[in-house]
Amino acid sequence: MPRSNTNARAGNLSIGDLSRQTGVNIETIRYYERIGLLAARGPSATPSLIRRSRDLGFSINDTHDLLGLARGHNLTCARVKALTEQHVADVRTKIRDLESSIGFSASWLQDAKGHLFRTVRSLMRLPAILGARSSSE
C-alpha cells in the first residue's frame, strides 16, 4: 500500500510520521483532511492544535473558524468574541449539569450504603431466624 502523503502535511511527512509526532490518530488526521481543517495547514494549524480545540469542547465549525483566525483570514473580533462567549456559556452549562449529576450520585450512593448495611445486617440474622423456624417445626 502506498504511503499517504498530501500537500496538507508540512515537510512532506507521511501520515504515520505526522500521527506519531502529534499523537493524533491516523484516521483522525484523514478526517481533518477530508473536511478541510488541514487542507491549507500552516505552521500553527497542526492536528494537535485541532485536537486540543476539540478536547476543549469547540465544535468542528468553531475549530474551523478559529483556525481561520490563526491562518490570518478575515475573522472579525465580534465573531471571535461571540464564538468564545457561546463556548464559555456551553461549558458553564456542562459544569452545572455535572455538579447536579455528582449531587444525585452522591445522594444515591449514601442511600445505597444505608440500604446495603440494612440488607447485610438482615442477612446476618437470617441463620438465626431459619434455625428458630426449623427447630419449631
C-alpha atoms as a PDB file:
ATOM      1  CA  MET A   1       0.000   0.000   0.000  1.00  0.00           C
ATOM      2  CA  PRO A   2       1.487   3.392  -0.948  1.00  0.00           C
ATOM      3  CA  ARG A   3       2.255   5.828   1.817  1.00  0.00           C
ATOM      4  CA  SER A   4      -0.340   8.552   2.158  1.00  0.00           C
ATOM      5  CA  ASN A   5       1.319  11.906   1.669  1.00  0.00           C
ATOM      6  CA  THR A   6      -0.571  15.089   0.797  1.00  0.00           C
ATOM      7  CA  ASN A   7       0.242  18.749   0.386  1.00  0.00           C
ATOM      8  CA  ALA A   8      -1.612  19.397   3.624  1.00  0.00           C
ATOM      9  CA  ARG A   9       1.259  17.945   5.599  1.00  0.00           C
ATOM     10  CA  ALA A  10       4.153  20.346   6.047  1.00  0.00           C
ATOM     11  CA  GLY A  11       7.577  18.993   5.253  1.00  0.00           C
ATOM     12  CA  ASN A  12       6.141  16.101   3.216  1.00  0.00           C
ATOM     13  CA  LEU A  13       5.636  13.975   6.326  1.00  0.00           C
ATOM     14  CA  SER A  14       3.891  10.668   5.868  1.00  0.00           C
ATOM     15  CA  ILE A  15       0.599  10.400   7.679  1.00  0.00           C
ATOM     16  CA  GLY A  16       2.174   7.849  10.032  1.00  0.00           C
ATOM     17  CA  ASP A  17       5.045  10.199  10.903  1.00  0.00           C
ATOM     18  CA  LEU A  18       2.618  13.063  11.447  1.00  0.00           C
ATOM     19  CA  SER A  19       0.471  10.831  13.650  1.00  0.00           C
ATOM     20  CA  ARG A  20       3.482   9.834  15.763  1.00  0.00           C
ATOM     21  CA  GLN A  21       4.728  13.421  16.065  1.00  0.00           C
ATOM     22  CA  THR A  22       1.376  14.866  17.095  1.00  0.00           C
ATOM     23  CA  GLY A  23      -0.191  11.934  18.948  1.00  0.00           C
ATOM     24  CA  VAL A  24      -3.274  12.199  16.717  1.00  0.00           C
ATOM     25  CA  ASN A  25      -4.728   9.002  15.250  1.00  0.00           C
ATOM     26  CA  ILE A  26      -4.150   8.457  11.513  1.00  0.00           C
ATOM     27  CA  GLU A  27      -7.877   8.152  10.806  1.00  0.00           C
ATOM     28  CA  THR A  28      -8.468  11.431  12.656  1.00  0.00           C
ATOM     29  CA  ILE A  29      -5.837  13.163  10.520  1.00  0.00           C
ATOM     30  CA  ARG A  30      -7.501  11.777   7.382  1.00  0.00           C
ATOM     31  CA  TYR A  31     -10.860  13.040   8.658  1.00  0.00           C
ATOM     32  CA  TYR A  32      -9.400  16.511   9.280  1.00  0.00           C
ATOM     33  CA  GLU A  33      -8.056  16.486   5.724  1.00  0.00           C
ATOM     34  CA  ARG A  34     -11.414  15.374   4.250  1.00  0.00           C
ATOM     35  CA  ILE A  35     -13.335  18.156   5.980  1.00  0.00           C
ATOM     36  CA  GLY A  36     -10.736  20.785   5.113  1.00  0.00           C
ATOM     37  CA  LEU A  37      -9.223  21.502   8.523  1.00  0.00           C
ATOM     38  CA  LEU A  38      -5.781  20.504   7.288  1.00  0.00           C
ATOM     39  CA  ALA A  39      -6.179  21.453   3.631  1.00  0.00           C
ATOM     40  CA  ALA A  40      -4.309  24.758   3.921  1.00  0.00           C
ATOM     41  CA  ARG A  41      -2.428  23.952   7.068  1.00  0.00           C
ATOM     42  CA  GLY A  42       0.200  26.397   8.136  1.00  0.00           C
ATOM     43  CA  PRO A  43       2.696  26.053  10.947  1.00  0.00           C
ATOM     44  CA  SER A  44       0.107  26.998  13.589  1.00  0.00           C
ATOM     45  CA  ALA A  45      -2.616  24.624  12.383  1.00  0.00           C
ATOM     46  CA  THR A  46      -1.414  21.178  13.366  1.00  0.00           C
ATOM     47  CA  PRO A  47      -3.501  18.091  14.090  1.00  0.00           C
ATOM     48  CA  SER A  48      -2.607  18.508  17.762  1.00  0.00           C
ATOM     49  CA  LEU A  49      -3.958  22.092  17.744  1.00  0.00           C
ATOM     50  CA  ILE A  50      -7.181  20.849  16.175  1.00  0.00           C
ATOM     51  CA  ARG A  51      -7.421  18.015  18.697  1.00  0.00           C
ATOM     52  CA  ARG A  52      -6.827  20.443  21.576  1.00  0.00           C
ATOM     53  CA  SER A  53      -9.592  22.701  20.298  1.00  0.00           C
ATOM     54  CA  ARG A  54     -11.926  19.698  20.096  1.00  0.00           C
ATOM     55  CA  ASP A  55     -10.840  18.494  23.573  1.00  0.00           C
ATOM     56  CA  LEU A  56     -11.791  21.919  24.913  1.00  0.00           C
ATOM     57  CA  GLY A  57     -15.271  21.378  23.520  1.00  0.00           C
ATOM     58  CA  PHE A  58     -15.185  23.539  20.412  1.00  0.00           C
ATOM     59  CA  SER A  59     -17.273  22.175  17.550  1.00  0.00           C
ATOM     60  CA  ILE A  60     -15.717  21.299  14.191  1.00  0.00           C
ATOM     61  CA  ASN A  61     -17.197  24.518  12.734  1.00  0.00           C
ATOM     62  CA  ASP A  62     -15.854  26.626  15.609  1.00  0.00           C
ATOM     63  CA  THR A  63     -12.467  24.939  15.246  1.00  0.00           C
ATOM     64  CA  HIS A  64     -12.502  25.742  11.538  1.00  0.00           C
ATOM     65  CA  ASP A  65     -13.269  29.389  12.335  1.00  0.00           C
ATOM     66  CA  LEU A  66     -10.525  29.563  14.962  1.00  0.00           C
ATOM     67  CA  LEU A  67      -8.030  28.034  12.532  1.00  0.00           C
ATOM     68  CA  GLY A  68      -9.104  30.643  10.004  1.00  0.00           C
ATOM     69  CA  LEU A  69      -8.111  33.275  12.531  1.00  0.00           C
ATOM     70  CA  ALA A  70      -4.756  31.563  13.056  1.00  0.00           C
ATOM     71  CA  ARG A  71      -4.260  31.494   9.283  1.00  0.00           C
ATOM     72  CA  GLY A  72      -4.873  35.234   9.022  1.00  0.00           C
ATOM     73  CA  HIS A  73      -8.338  35.031   7.469  1.00  0.00           C
ATOM     74  CA  ASN A  74     -10.716  37.907   7.938  1.00  0.00           C
ATOM     75  CA  LEU A  75     -12.453  36.788  11.086  1.00  0.00           C
ATOM     76  CA  THR A  76     -13.867  39.760  12.929  1.00  0.00           C
ATOM     77  CA  CYS A  77     -13.235  40.421  16.585  1.00  0.00           C
ATOM     78  CA  ALA A  78     -17.009  40.368  17.070  1.00  0.00           C
ATOM     79  CA  ARG A  79     -17.177  36.826  15.612  1.00  0.00           C
ATOM     80  CA  VAL A  80     -14.315  35.603  17.812  1.00  0.00           C
ATOM     81  CA  LYS A  81     -15.944  37.228  20.846  1.00  0.00           C
ATOM     82  CA  ALA A  82     -19.340  35.677  20.064  1.00  0.00           C
ATOM     83  CA  LEU A  83     -17.808  32.267  19.470  1.00  0.00           C
ATOM     84  CA  THR A  84     -15.860  32.429  22.730  1.00  0.00           C
ATOM     85  CA  GLU A  85     -18.817  33.728  24.758  1.00  0.00           C
ATOM     86  CA  GLN A  86     -21.010  30.914  23.455  1.00  0.00           C
ATOM     87  CA  HIS A  87     -18.332  28.376  24.279  1.00  0.00           C
ATOM     88  CA  VAL A  88     -17.982  29.732  27.829  1.00  0.00           C
ATOM     89  CA  ALA A  89     -21.784  29.556  28.269  1.00  0.00           C
ATOM     90  CA  ASP A  90     -21.809  25.969  26.971  1.00  0.00           C
ATOM     91  CA  VAL A  91     -19.013  24.963  29.352  1.00  0.00           C
ATOM     92  CA  ARG A  92     -20.798  26.581  32.301  1.00  0.00           C
ATOM     93  CA  THR A  93     -23.963  24.644  31.420  1.00  0.00           C
ATOM     94  CA  LYS A  94     -21.975  21.411  31.286  1.00  0.00           C
ATOM     95  CA  ILE A  95     -20.413  22.197  34.675  1.00  0.00           C
ATOM     96  CA  ARG A  96     -23.862  22.791  36.215  1.00  0.00           C
ATOM     97  CA  ASP A  97     -25.102  19.517  34.714  1.00  0.00           C
ATOM     98  CA  LEU A  98     -22.069  17.643  36.046  1.00  0.00           C
ATOM     99  CA  GLU A  99     -22.443  19.189  39.512  1.00  0.00           C
ATOM    100  CA  SER A 100     -26.089  18.143  39.529  1.00  0.00           C
ATOM    101  CA  SER A 101     -25.087  14.644  38.484  1.00  0.00           C
ATOM    102  CA  ILE A 102     -22.488  14.487  41.258  1.00  0.00           C
ATOM    103  CA  GLY A 103     -25.085  15.580  43.831  1.00  0.00           C
ATOM    104  CA  PHE A 104     -27.586  12.996  42.642  1.00  0.00           C
ATOM    105  CA  SER A 105     -24.963  10.244  42.506  1.00  0.00           C
ATOM    106  CA  ALA A 106     -23.620  11.059  45.971  1.00  0.00           C
ATOM    107  CA  SER A 107     -27.144  11.057  47.385  1.00  0.00           C
ATOM    108  CA  TRP A 108     -27.941   7.759  45.689  1.00  0.00           C
ATOM    109  CA  LEU A 109     -24.680   6.267  46.937  1.00  0.00           C
ATOM    110  CA  GLN A 110     -25.486   7.323  50.501  1.00  0.00           C
ATOM    111  CA  ASP A 111     -28.951   5.745  50.201  1.00  0.00           C
ATOM    112  CA  ALA A 112     -27.439   2.609  48.704  1.00  0.00           C
ATOM    113  CA  LYS A 113     -24.898   2.350  51.538  1.00  0.00           C
ATOM    114  CA  GLY A 114     -27.695   2.559  54.115  1.00  0.00           C
ATOM    115  CA  HIS A 115     -29.760   0.020  52.222  1.00  0.00           C
ATOM    116  CA  LEU A 116     -26.777  -2.277  51.816  1.00  0.00           C
ATOM    117  CA  PHE A 117     -25.983  -2.045  55.535  1.00  0.00           C
ATOM    118  CA  ARG A 118     -29.586  -2.950  56.418  1.00  0.00           C
ATOM    119  CA  THR A 119     -29.543  -5.806  53.905  1.00  0.00           C
ATOM    120  CA  VAL A 120     -26.275  -7.232  55.239  1.00  0.00           C
ATOM    121  CA  ARG A 121     -27.488  -6.916  58.823  1.00  0.00           C
ATOM    122  CA  SER A 122     -30.698  -8.769  57.897  1.00  0.00           C
ATOM    123  CA  LEU A 123     -28.742 -11.478  56.103  1.00  0.00           C
ATOM    124  CA  MET A 124     -26.505 -11.912  59.133  1.00  0.00           C
ATOM    125  CA  ARG A 125     -29.601 -12.569  61.271  1.00  0.00           C
ATOM    126  CA  LEU A 126     -31.060 -14.991  58.707  1.00  0.00           C
ATOM    127  CA  PRO A 127     -29.313 -18.151  60.031  1.00  0.00           C
ATOM    128  CA  ALA A 128     -30.699 -17.488  63.498  1.00  0.00           C
ATOM    129  CA  ILE A 129     -34.178 -16.881  62.083  1.00  0.00           C
ATOM    130  CA  LEU A 130     -34.019 -20.007  59.914  1.00  0.00           C
ATOM    131  CA  GLY A 131     -32.630 -22.044  62.822  1.00  0.00           C
ATOM    132  CA  ALA A 132     -35.517 -20.956  65.037  1.00  0.00           C
ATOM    133  CA  ARG A 133     -38.035 -21.943  62.356  1.00  0.00           C
ATOM    134  CA  SER A 134     -36.539 -25.357  61.736  1.00  0.00           C
ATOM    135  CA  SER A 135     -36.373 -26.211  65.443  1.00  0.00           C
ATOM    136  CA  SER A 136     -40.017 -25.241  65.963  1.00  0.00           C
ATOM    137  CA  GLU A 137     -41.232 -27.384  63.039  1.00  0.00           C
END
